[in-house]
């Protein structure tokens, strides 16, 4: 693996790539987004960095898990009180 293959992204860069806020990326990195595994990251002091290759693998894994999931639609009126 050469130096060009080791592309590190800031959380702001990740947010731009994922089209979401930096705060949401921070939560995803910390594992605080329900139904979503944490984004792999590297810590340098208080700074978090994400390898581009790890981010792409994380996105692909999430796409596969969504494709494998079955969506259940609640029965109409099931939550209403009698």
PDB file of N, CA and C in Angstrom:
ATOM      1  N   UNK A   1       0.859  -1.175   0.000  1.00  0.00           N
ATOM      2  CA  UNK A   1       0.000   0.000   0.000  1.00  0.00           C
ATOM      3  C   UNK A   1       0.898   1.229   0.000  1.00  0.00           C
ATOM      4  N   UNK A   2       0.715   2.075  -0.998  1.00  0.00           N
ATOM      5  CA  UNK A   2       1.519   3.277  -1.111  1.00  0.00           C
ATOM      6  C   UNK A   2       0.925   4.434  -0.332  1.00  0.00           C
ATOM      7  N   UNK A   3       1.662   5.514  -0.279  1.00  0.00           N
ATOM      8  CA  UNK A   3       1.209   6.692   0.445  1.00  0.00           C
ATOM      9  C   UNK A   3      -0.058   7.271  -0.169  1.00  0.00           C
ATOM     10  N   UNK A   4      -0.225   7.154  -1.480  1.00  0.00           N
ATOM     11  CA  UNK A   4      -1.422   7.673  -2.148  1.00  0.00           C
ATOM     12  C   UNK A   4      -2.675   6.876  -1.796  1.00  0.00           C
ATOM     13  N   UNK A   5      -2.504   5.607  -1.351  1.00  0.00           N
ATOM     14  CA  UNK A   5      -3.642   4.769  -0.981  1.00  0.00           C
ATOM     15  C   UNK A   5      -4.133   5.060   0.434  1.00  0.00           C
ATOM     16  N   UNK A   6      -3.405   5.878   1.174  1.00  0.00           N
ATOM     17  CA  UNK A   6      -3.713   6.146   2.578  1.00  0.00           C
ATOM     18  C   UNK A   6      -4.315   7.534   2.684  1.00  0.00           C
ATOM     19  N   UNK A   7      -5.555   7.660   2.216  1.00  0.00           N
ATOM     20  CA  UNK A   7      -6.243   8.937   2.148  1.00  0.00           C
ATOM     21  C   UNK A   7      -7.082   9.131   3.410  1.00  0.00           C
ATOM     22  N   UNK A   8      -6.707  10.078   4.270  1.00  0.00           N
ATOM     23  CA  UNK A   8      -7.432  10.346   5.502  1.00  0.00           C
ATOM     24  C   UNK A   8      -8.378  11.523   5.315  1.00  0.00           C
ATOM     25  N   UNK A   9      -9.598  11.375   5.837  1.00  0.00           N
ATOM     26  CA  UNK A   9     -10.615  12.409   5.729  1.00  0.00           C
ATOM     27  C   UNK A   9     -10.943  12.959   7.106  1.00  0.00           C
ATOM     28  N   UNK A  10     -11.182  14.251   7.173  1.00  0.00           N
ATOM     29  CA  UNK A  10     -11.688  14.839   8.410  1.00  0.00           C
ATOM     30  C   UNK A  10     -13.180  14.530   8.508  1.00  0.00           C
ATOM     31  N   UNK A  11     -13.760  14.762   9.678  1.00  0.00           N
ATOM     32  CA  UNK A  11     -15.196  14.524   9.822  1.00  0.00           C
ATOM     33  C   UNK A  11     -16.001  15.472   8.945  1.00  0.00           C
ATOM     34  N   UNK A  12     -15.484  16.666   8.712  1.00  0.00           N
ATOM     35  CA  UNK A  12     -16.154  17.602   7.800  1.00  0.00           C
ATOM     36  C   UNK A  12     -16.143  17.049   6.369  1.00  0.00           C
ATOM     37  N   UNK A  13     -15.024  16.441   5.966  1.00  0.00           N
ATOM     38  CA  UNK A  13     -14.945  15.818   4.639  1.00  0.00           C
ATOM     39  C   UNK A  13     -15.950  14.677   4.516  1.00  0.00           C
ATOM     40  N   UNK A  14     -16.043  13.855   5.570  1.00  0.00           N
ATOM     41  CA  UNK A  14     -16.985  12.735   5.571  1.00  0.00           C
ATOM     42  C   UNK A  14     -18.417  13.260   5.453  1.00  0.00           C
ATOM     43  N   UNK A  15     -18.720  14.327   6.182  1.00  0.00           N
ATOM     44  CA  UNK A  15     -20.059  14.916   6.131  1.00  0.00           C
ATOM     45  C   UNK A  15     -20.393  15.378   4.711  1.00  0.00           C
ATOM     46  N   UNK A  16     -19.436  15.980   4.032  1.00  0.00           N
ATOM     47  CA  UNK A  16     -19.671  16.408   2.644  1.00  0.00           C
ATOM     48  C   UNK A  16     -19.944  15.214   1.736  1.00  0.00           C
ATOM     49  N   UNK A  17     -19.160  14.152   1.907  1.00  0.00           N
ATOM     50  CA  UNK A  17     -19.334  12.968   1.065  1.00  0.00           C
ATOM     51  C   UNK A  17     -20.668  12.276   1.319  1.00  0.00           C
ATOM     52  N   UNK A  18     -21.114  12.265   2.582  1.00  0.00           N
ATOM     53  CA  UNK A  18     -22.356  11.585   2.930  1.00  0.00           C
ATOM     54  C   UNK A  18     -23.578  12.491   2.857  1.00  0.00           C
ATOM     55  N   UNK A  19     -23.365  13.763   2.535  1.00  0.00           N
ATOM     56  CA  UNK A  19     -24.449  14.744   2.440  1.00  0.00           C
ATOM     57  C   UNK A  19     -25.249  14.831   3.748  1.00  0.00           C
ATOM     58  N   UNK A  20     -24.520  14.972   4.848  1.00  0.00           N
ATOM     59  CA  UNK A  20     -25.170  15.142   6.148  1.00  0.00           C
ATOM     60  C   UNK A  20     -24.325  16.114   6.975  1.00  0.00           C
ATOM     61  N   UNK A  21     -24.758  16.386   8.192  1.00  0.00           N
ATOM     62  CA  UNK A  21     -24.044  17.349   9.031  1.00  0.00           C
ATOM     63  C   UNK A  21     -22.827  16.706   9.699  1.00  0.00           C
ATOM     64  N   UNK A  22     -21.891  17.536  10.087  1.00  0.00           N
ATOM     65  CA  UNK A  22     -20.715  17.063  10.805  1.00  0.00           C
ATOM     66  C   UNK A  22     -21.134  16.482  12.153  1.00  0.00           C
ATOM     67  N   UNK A  23     -22.154  17.070  12.789  1.00  0.00           N
ATOM     68  CA  UNK A  23     -22.640  16.557  14.072  1.00  0.00           C
ATOM     69  C   UNK A  23     -23.171  15.132  13.920  1.00  0.00           C
ATOM     70  N   UNK A  24     -23.859  14.864  12.813  1.00  0.00           N
ATOM     71  CA  UNK A  24     -24.383  13.518  12.578  1.00  0.00           C
ATOM     72  C   UNK A  24     -23.236  12.533  12.354  1.00  0.00           C
ATOM     73  N   UNK A  25     -22.203  12.960  11.643  1.00  0.00           N
ATOM     74  CA  UNK A  25     -21.034  12.107  11.426  1.00  0.00           C
ATOM     75  C   UNK A  25     -20.360  11.806  12.763  1.00  0.00           C
ATOM     76  N   UNK A  26     -20.252  12.811  13.630  1.00  0.00           N
ATOM     77  CA  UNK A  26     -19.660  12.594  14.962  1.00  0.00           C
ATOM     78  C   UNK A  26     -20.437  11.530  15.728  1.00  0.00           C
ATOM     79  N   UNK A  27     -21.761  11.577  15.644  1.00  0.00           N
ATOM     80  CA  UNK A  27     -22.589  10.575  16.311  1.00  0.00           C
ATOM     81  C   UNK A  27     -22.382   9.199  15.679  1.00  0.00           C
ATOM     82  N   UNK A  28     -22.280   9.147  14.362  1.00  0.00           N
ATOM     83  CA  UNK A  28     -22.074   7.874  13.674  1.00  0.00           C
ATOM     84  C   UNK A  28     -20.715   7.272  14.018  1.00  0.00           C
ATOM     85  N   UNK A  29     -19.701   8.094  14.121  1.00  0.00           N
ATOM     86  CA  UNK A  29     -18.368   7.613  14.497  1.00  0.00           C
ATOM     87  C   UNK A  29     -18.392   7.065  15.923  1.00  0.00           C
ATOM     88  N   UNK A  30     -19.141   7.727  16.802  1.00  0.00           N
ATOM     89  CA  UNK A  30     -19.231   7.300  18.199  1.00  0.00           C
ATOM     90  C   UNK A  30     -20.169   6.116  18.393  1.00  0.00           C
ATOM     91  N   UNK A  31     -20.883   5.708  17.330  1.00  0.00           N
ATOM     92  CA  UNK A  31     -21.794   4.580  17.431  1.00  0.00           C
ATOM     93  C   UNK A  31     -23.134   4.924  18.063  1.00  0.00           C
ATOM     94  N   UNK A  32     -23.530   6.196  17.980  1.00  0.00           N
ATOM     95  CA  UNK A  32     -24.774   6.636  18.599  1.00  0.00           C
ATOM     96  C   UNK A  32     -25.903   6.852  17.596  1.00  0.00           C
ATOM     97  N   UNK A  33     -25.830   6.192  16.424  1.00  0.00           N
ATOM     98  CA  UNK A  33     -26.906   6.253  15.441  1.00  0.00           C
ATOM     99  C   UNK A  33     -27.557   4.872  15.416  1.00  0.00           C
ATOM    100  N   UNK A  34     -28.818   4.816  15.815  1.00  0.00           N
ATOM    101  CA  UNK A  34     -29.529   3.547  15.932  1.00  0.00           C
ATOM    102  C   UNK A  34     -29.611   2.835  14.583  1.00  0.00           C
ATOM    103  N   UNK A  35     -29.339   1.544  14.613  1.00  0.00           N
ATOM    104  CA  UNK A  35     -29.437   0.725  13.411  1.00  0.00           C
ATOM    105  C   UNK A  35     -28.270   0.885  12.461  1.00  0.00           C
ATOM    106  N   UNK A  36     -27.207   1.494  12.938  1.00  0.00           N
ATOM    107  CA  UNK A  36     -26.061   1.797  12.074  1.00  0.00           C
ATOM    108  C   UNK A  36     -24.770   1.491  12.838  1.00  0.00           C
ATOM    109  N   UNK A  37     -23.904   0.638  12.292  1.00  0.00           N
ATOM    110  CA  UNK A  37     -22.642   0.377  12.982  1.00  0.00           C
ATOM    111  C   UNK A  37     -21.760   1.623  12.966  1.00  0.00           C
ATOM    112  N   UNK A  38     -20.860   1.762  13.928  1.00  0.00           N
ATOM    113  CA  UNK A  38     -19.992   2.946  13.956  1.00  0.00           C
ATOM    114  C   UNK A  38     -19.096   3.032  12.719  1.00  0.00           C
ATOM    115  N   UNK A  39     -18.825   4.249  12.299  1.00  0.00           N
ATOM    116  CA  UNK A  39     -17.870   4.467  11.202  1.00  0.00           C
ATOM    117  C   UNK A  39     -16.465   4.278  11.775  1.00  0.00           C
ATOM    118  N   UNK A  40     -15.649   3.413  11.168  1.00  0.00           N
ATOM    119  CA  UNK A  40     -14.282   3.217  11.668  1.00  0.00           C
ATOM    120  C   UNK A  40     -13.481   4.510  11.543  1.00  0.00           C
ATOM    121  N   UNK A  41     -12.762   4.852  12.608  1.00  0.00           N
ATOM    122  CA  UNK A  41     -11.982   6.093  12.585  1.00  0.00           C
ATOM    123  C   UNK A  41     -10.686   5.909  13.343  1.00  0.00           C
ATOM    124  N   UNK A  42      -9.799   6.872  13.156  1.00  0.00           N
ATOM    125  CA  UNK A  42      -8.508   6.923  13.828  1.00  0.00           C
ATOM    126  C   UNK A  42      -8.499   8.178  14.680  1.00  0.00           C
ATOM    127  N   UNK A  43      -8.051   8.060  15.913  1.00  0.00           N
ATOM    128  CA  UNK A  43      -7.975   9.223  16.799  1.00  0.00           C
ATOM    129  C   UNK A  43      -6.548   9.742  16.858  1.00  0.00           C
ATOM    130  N   UNK A  44      -6.418  11.046  16.678  1.00  0.00           N
ATOM    131  CA  UNK A  44      -5.144  11.739  16.878  1.00  0.00           C
ATOM    132  C   UNK A  44      -5.418  12.835  17.890  1.00  0.00           C
ATOM    133  N   UNK A  45      -5.232  12.512  19.161  1.00  0.00           N
ATOM    134  CA  UNK A  45      -5.617  13.437  20.210  1.00  0.00           C
ATOM    135  C   UNK A  45      -7.125  13.542  20.225  1.00  0.00           C
ATOM    136  N   UNK A  46      -7.650  14.746  20.134  1.00  0.00           N
ATOM    137  CA  UNK A  46      -9.100  14.953  20.090  1.00  0.00           C
ATOM    138  C   UNK A  46      -9.656  14.881  18.670  1.00  0.00           C
ATOM    139  N   UNK A  47      -8.774  14.810  17.713  1.00  0.00           N
ATOM    140  CA  UNK A  47      -9.174  14.810  16.305  1.00  0.00           C
ATOM    141  C   UNK A  47      -9.467  13.402  15.822  1.00  0.00           C
ATOM    142  N   UNK A  48     -10.540  13.243  15.077  1.00  0.00           N
ATOM    143  CA  UNK A  48     -10.908  11.956  14.481  1.00  0.00           C
ATOM    144  C   UNK A  48     -10.710  12.046  12.977  1.00  0.00           C
ATOM    145  N   UNK A  49     -10.124  11.013  12.406  1.00  0.00           N
ATOM    146  CA  UNK A  49      -9.924  10.931  10.964  1.00  0.00           C
ATOM    147  C   UNK A  49     -10.466   9.591  10.474  1.00  0.00           C
ATOM    148  N   UNK A  50     -10.943   9.571   9.250  1.00  0.00           N
ATOM    149  CA  UNK A  50     -11.526   8.365   8.656  1.00  0.00           C
ATOM    150  C   UNK A  50     -10.795   8.077   7.355  1.00  0.00           C
ATOM    151  N   UNK A  51     -10.353   6.833   7.204  1.00  0.00           N
ATOM    152  CA  UNK A  51      -9.734   6.440   5.932  1.00  0.00           C
ATOM    153  C   UNK A  51     -10.818   6.352   4.870  1.00  0.00           C
ATOM    154  N   UNK A  52     -10.538   6.902   3.701  1.00  0.00           N
ATOM    155  CA  UNK A  52     -11.514   6.884   2.603  1.00  0.00           C
ATOM    156  C   UNK A  52     -11.927   5.447   2.274  1.00  0.00           C
ATOM    157  N   UNK A  53     -10.973   4.534   2.250  1.00  0.00           N
ATOM    158  CA  UNK A  53     -11.258   3.135   1.931  1.00  0.00           C
ATOM    159  C   UNK A  53     -12.189   2.527   2.993  1.00  0.00           C
ATOM    160  N   UNK A  54     -11.970   2.849   4.272  1.00  0.00           N
ATOM    161  CA  UNK A  54     -12.838   2.340   5.342  1.00  0.00           C
ATOM    162  C   UNK A  54     -14.242   2.907   5.217  1.00  0.00           C
ATOM    163  N   UNK A  55     -14.351   4.179   4.858  1.00  0.00           N
ATOM    164  CA  UNK A  55     -15.662   4.800   4.694  1.00  0.00           C
ATOM    165  C   UNK A  55     -16.434   4.142   3.554  1.00  0.00           C
ATOM    166  N   UNK A  56     -15.767   3.885   2.431  1.00  0.00           N
ATOM    167  CA  UNK A  56     -16.433   3.253   1.295  1.00  0.00           C
ATOM    168  C   UNK A  56     -16.881   1.837   1.652  1.00  0.00           C
ATOM    169  N   UNK A  57     -16.053   1.096   2.404  1.00  0.00           N
ATOM    170  CA  UNK A  57     -16.424  -0.249   2.835  1.00  0.00           C
ATOM    171  C   UNK A  57     -17.617  -0.191   3.789  1.00  0.00           C
ATOM    172  N   UNK A  58     -17.645   0.817   4.670  1.00  0.00           N
ATOM    173  CA  UNK A  58     -18.753   0.998   5.613  1.00  0.00           C
ATOM    174  C   UNK A  58     -20.056   1.288   4.870  1.00  0.00           C
ATOM    175  N   UNK A  59     -19.990   2.143   3.852  1.00  0.00           N
ATOM    176  CA  UNK A  59     -21.177   2.467   3.057  1.00  0.00           C
ATOM    177  C   UNK A  59     -21.682   1.208   2.347  1.00  0.00           C
ATOM    178  N   UNK A  60     -20.778   0.440   1.746  1.00  0.00           N
ATOM    179  CA  UNK A  60     -21.179  -0.784   1.039  1.00  0.00           C
ATOM    180  C   UNK A  60     -21.799  -1.795   1.993  1.00  0.00           C
ATOM    181  N   UNK A  61     -21.242  -1.930   3.198  1.00  0.00           N
ATOM    182  CA  UNK A  61     -21.793  -2.867   4.185  1.00  0.00           C
ATOM    183  C   UNK A  61     -23.201  -2.435   4.593  1.00  0.00           C
ATOM    184  N   UNK A  62     -23.419  -1.133   4.750  1.00  0.00           N
ATOM    185  CA  UNK A  62     -24.753  -0.644   5.097  1.00  0.00           C
ATOM    186  C   UNK A  62     -25.736  -0.865   3.961  1.00  0.00           C
ATOM    187  N   UNK A  63     -25.283  -0.717   2.726  1.00  0.00           N
ATOM    188  CA  UNK A  63     -26.164  -0.971   1.584  1.00  0.00           C
ATOM    189  C   UNK A  63     -26.580  -2.431   1.546  1.00  0.00           C
ATOM    190  N   UNK A  64     -25.638  -3.336   1.814  1.00  0.00           N
ATOM    191  CA  UNK A  64     -25.951  -4.769   1.809  1.00  0.00           C
ATOM    192  C   UNK A  64     -26.918  -5.121   2.933  1.00  0.00           C
ATOM    193  N   UNK A  65     -26.717  -4.537   4.112  1.00  0.00           N
ATOM    194  CA  UNK A  65     -27.602  -4.865   5.227  1.00  0.00           C
ATOM    195  C   UNK A  65     -29.012  -4.342   4.969  1.00  0.00           C
ATOM    196  N   UNK A  66     -29.123  -3.204   4.288  1.00  0.00           N
ATOM    197  CA  UNK A  66     -30.451  -2.688   3.937  1.00  0.00           C
ATOM    198  C   UNK A  66     -31.124  -3.571   2.898  1.00  0.00           C
ATOM    199  N   UNK A  67     -30.343  -4.076   1.960  1.00  0.00           N
ATOM    200  CA  UNK A  67     -30.906  -4.932   0.918  1.00  0.00           C
ATOM    201  C   UNK A  67     -31.388  -6.260   1.510  1.00  0.00           C
ATOM    202  N   UNK A  68     -30.713  -6.736   2.569  1.00  0.00           N
ATOM    203  CA  UNK A  68     -31.077  -8.000   3.202  1.00  0.00           C
ATOM    204  C   UNK A  68     -32.230  -7.847   4.190  1.00  0.00           C
ATOM    205  N   UNK A  69     -32.476  -6.625   4.663  1.00  0.00           N
ATOM    206  CA  UNK A  69     -33.512  -6.404   5.671  1.00  0.00           C
ATOM    207  C   UNK A  69     -34.896  -6.473   5.041  1.00  0.00           C
ATOM    208  N   UNK A  70     -35.830  -6.930   5.832  1.00  0.00           N
ATOM    209  CA  UNK A  70     -37.218  -6.925   5.377  1.00  0.00           C
ATOM    210  C   UNK A  70     -37.958  -5.851   6.153  1.00  0.00           C
ATOM    211  N   UNK A  71     -38.748  -5.108   5.462  1.00  0.00           N
ATOM    212  CA  UNK A  71     -39.494  -4.017   6.080  1.00  0.00           C
ATOM    213  C   UNK A  71     -40.892  -4.538   6.400  1.00  0.00           C
ATOM    214  N   UNK A  72     -41.280  -4.385   7.651  1.00  0.00           N
ATOM    215  CA  UNK A  72     -42.624  -4.803   8.034  1.00  0.00           C
ATOM    216  C   UNK A  72     -43.477  -3.560   8.200  1.00  0.00           C
ATOM    217  N   UNK A  73     -44.627  -3.596   7.595  1.00  0.00           N
ATOM    218  CA  UNK A  73     -45.553  -2.470   7.661  1.00  0.00           C
ATOM    219  C   UNK A  73     -46.585  -2.799   8.724  1.00  0.00           C
ATOM    220  N   UNK A  74     -46.749  -1.920   9.725  1.00  0.00           N
ATOM    221  CA  UNK A  74     -47.719  -2.209  10.771  1.00  0.00           C
ATOM    222  C   UNK A  74     -49.129  -2.263  10.196  1.00  0.00           C
ATOM    223  N   UNK A  75     -49.946  -3.089  10.811  1.00  0.00           N
ATOM    224  CA  UNK A  75     -51.325  -3.217  10.380  1.00  0.00           C
ATOM    225  C   UNK A  75     -52.071  -1.917  10.655  1.00  0.00           C
ATOM    226  N   UNK A  76     -52.891  -1.527   9.730  1.00  0.00           N
ATOM    227  CA  UNK A  76     -53.606  -0.261   9.846  1.00  0.00           C
ATOM    228  C   UNK A  76     -54.553  -0.277  11.055  1.00  0.00           C
ATOM    229  N   UNK A  77     -54.425   0.727  11.904  1.00  0.00           N
ATOM    230  CA  UNK A  77     -55.283   0.838  13.069  1.00  0.00           C
ATOM    231  C   UNK A  77     -54.845  -0.021  14.245  1.00  0.00           C
ATOM    232  N   UNK A  78     -53.690  -0.690  14.135  1.00  0.00           N
ATOM    233  CA  UNK A  78     -53.241  -1.585  15.199  1.00  0.00           C
ATOM    234  C   UNK A  78     -52.854  -0.827  16.468  1.00  0.00           C
ATOM    235  N   UNK A  79     -52.427   0.431  16.330  1.00  0.00           N
ATOM    236  CA  UNK A  79     -51.977   1.199  17.489  1.00  0.00           C
ATOM    237  C   UNK A  79     -53.067   2.016  18.159  1.00  0.00           C
ATOM    238  N   UNK A  80     -54.257   1.963  17.625  1.00  0.00           N
ATOM    239  CA  UNK A  80     -55.349   2.771  18.189  1.00  0.00           C
ATOM    240  C   UNK A  80     -56.009   2.056  19.361  1.00  0.00           C
ATOM    241  N   UNK A  81     -56.467   2.851  20.297  1.00  0.00           N
ATOM    242  CA  UNK A  81     -57.181   2.307  21.446  1.00  0.00           C
ATOM    243  C   UNK A  81     -58.633   2.049  21.074  1.00  0.00           C
ATOM    244  N   UNK A  82     -59.214   1.050  21.725  1.00  0.00           N
ATOM    245  CA  UNK A  82     -60.618   0.720  21.451  1.00  0.00           C
ATOM    246  C   UNK A  82     -61.571   1.607  22.202  1.00  0.00           C
TER     247      UNK A  82
END
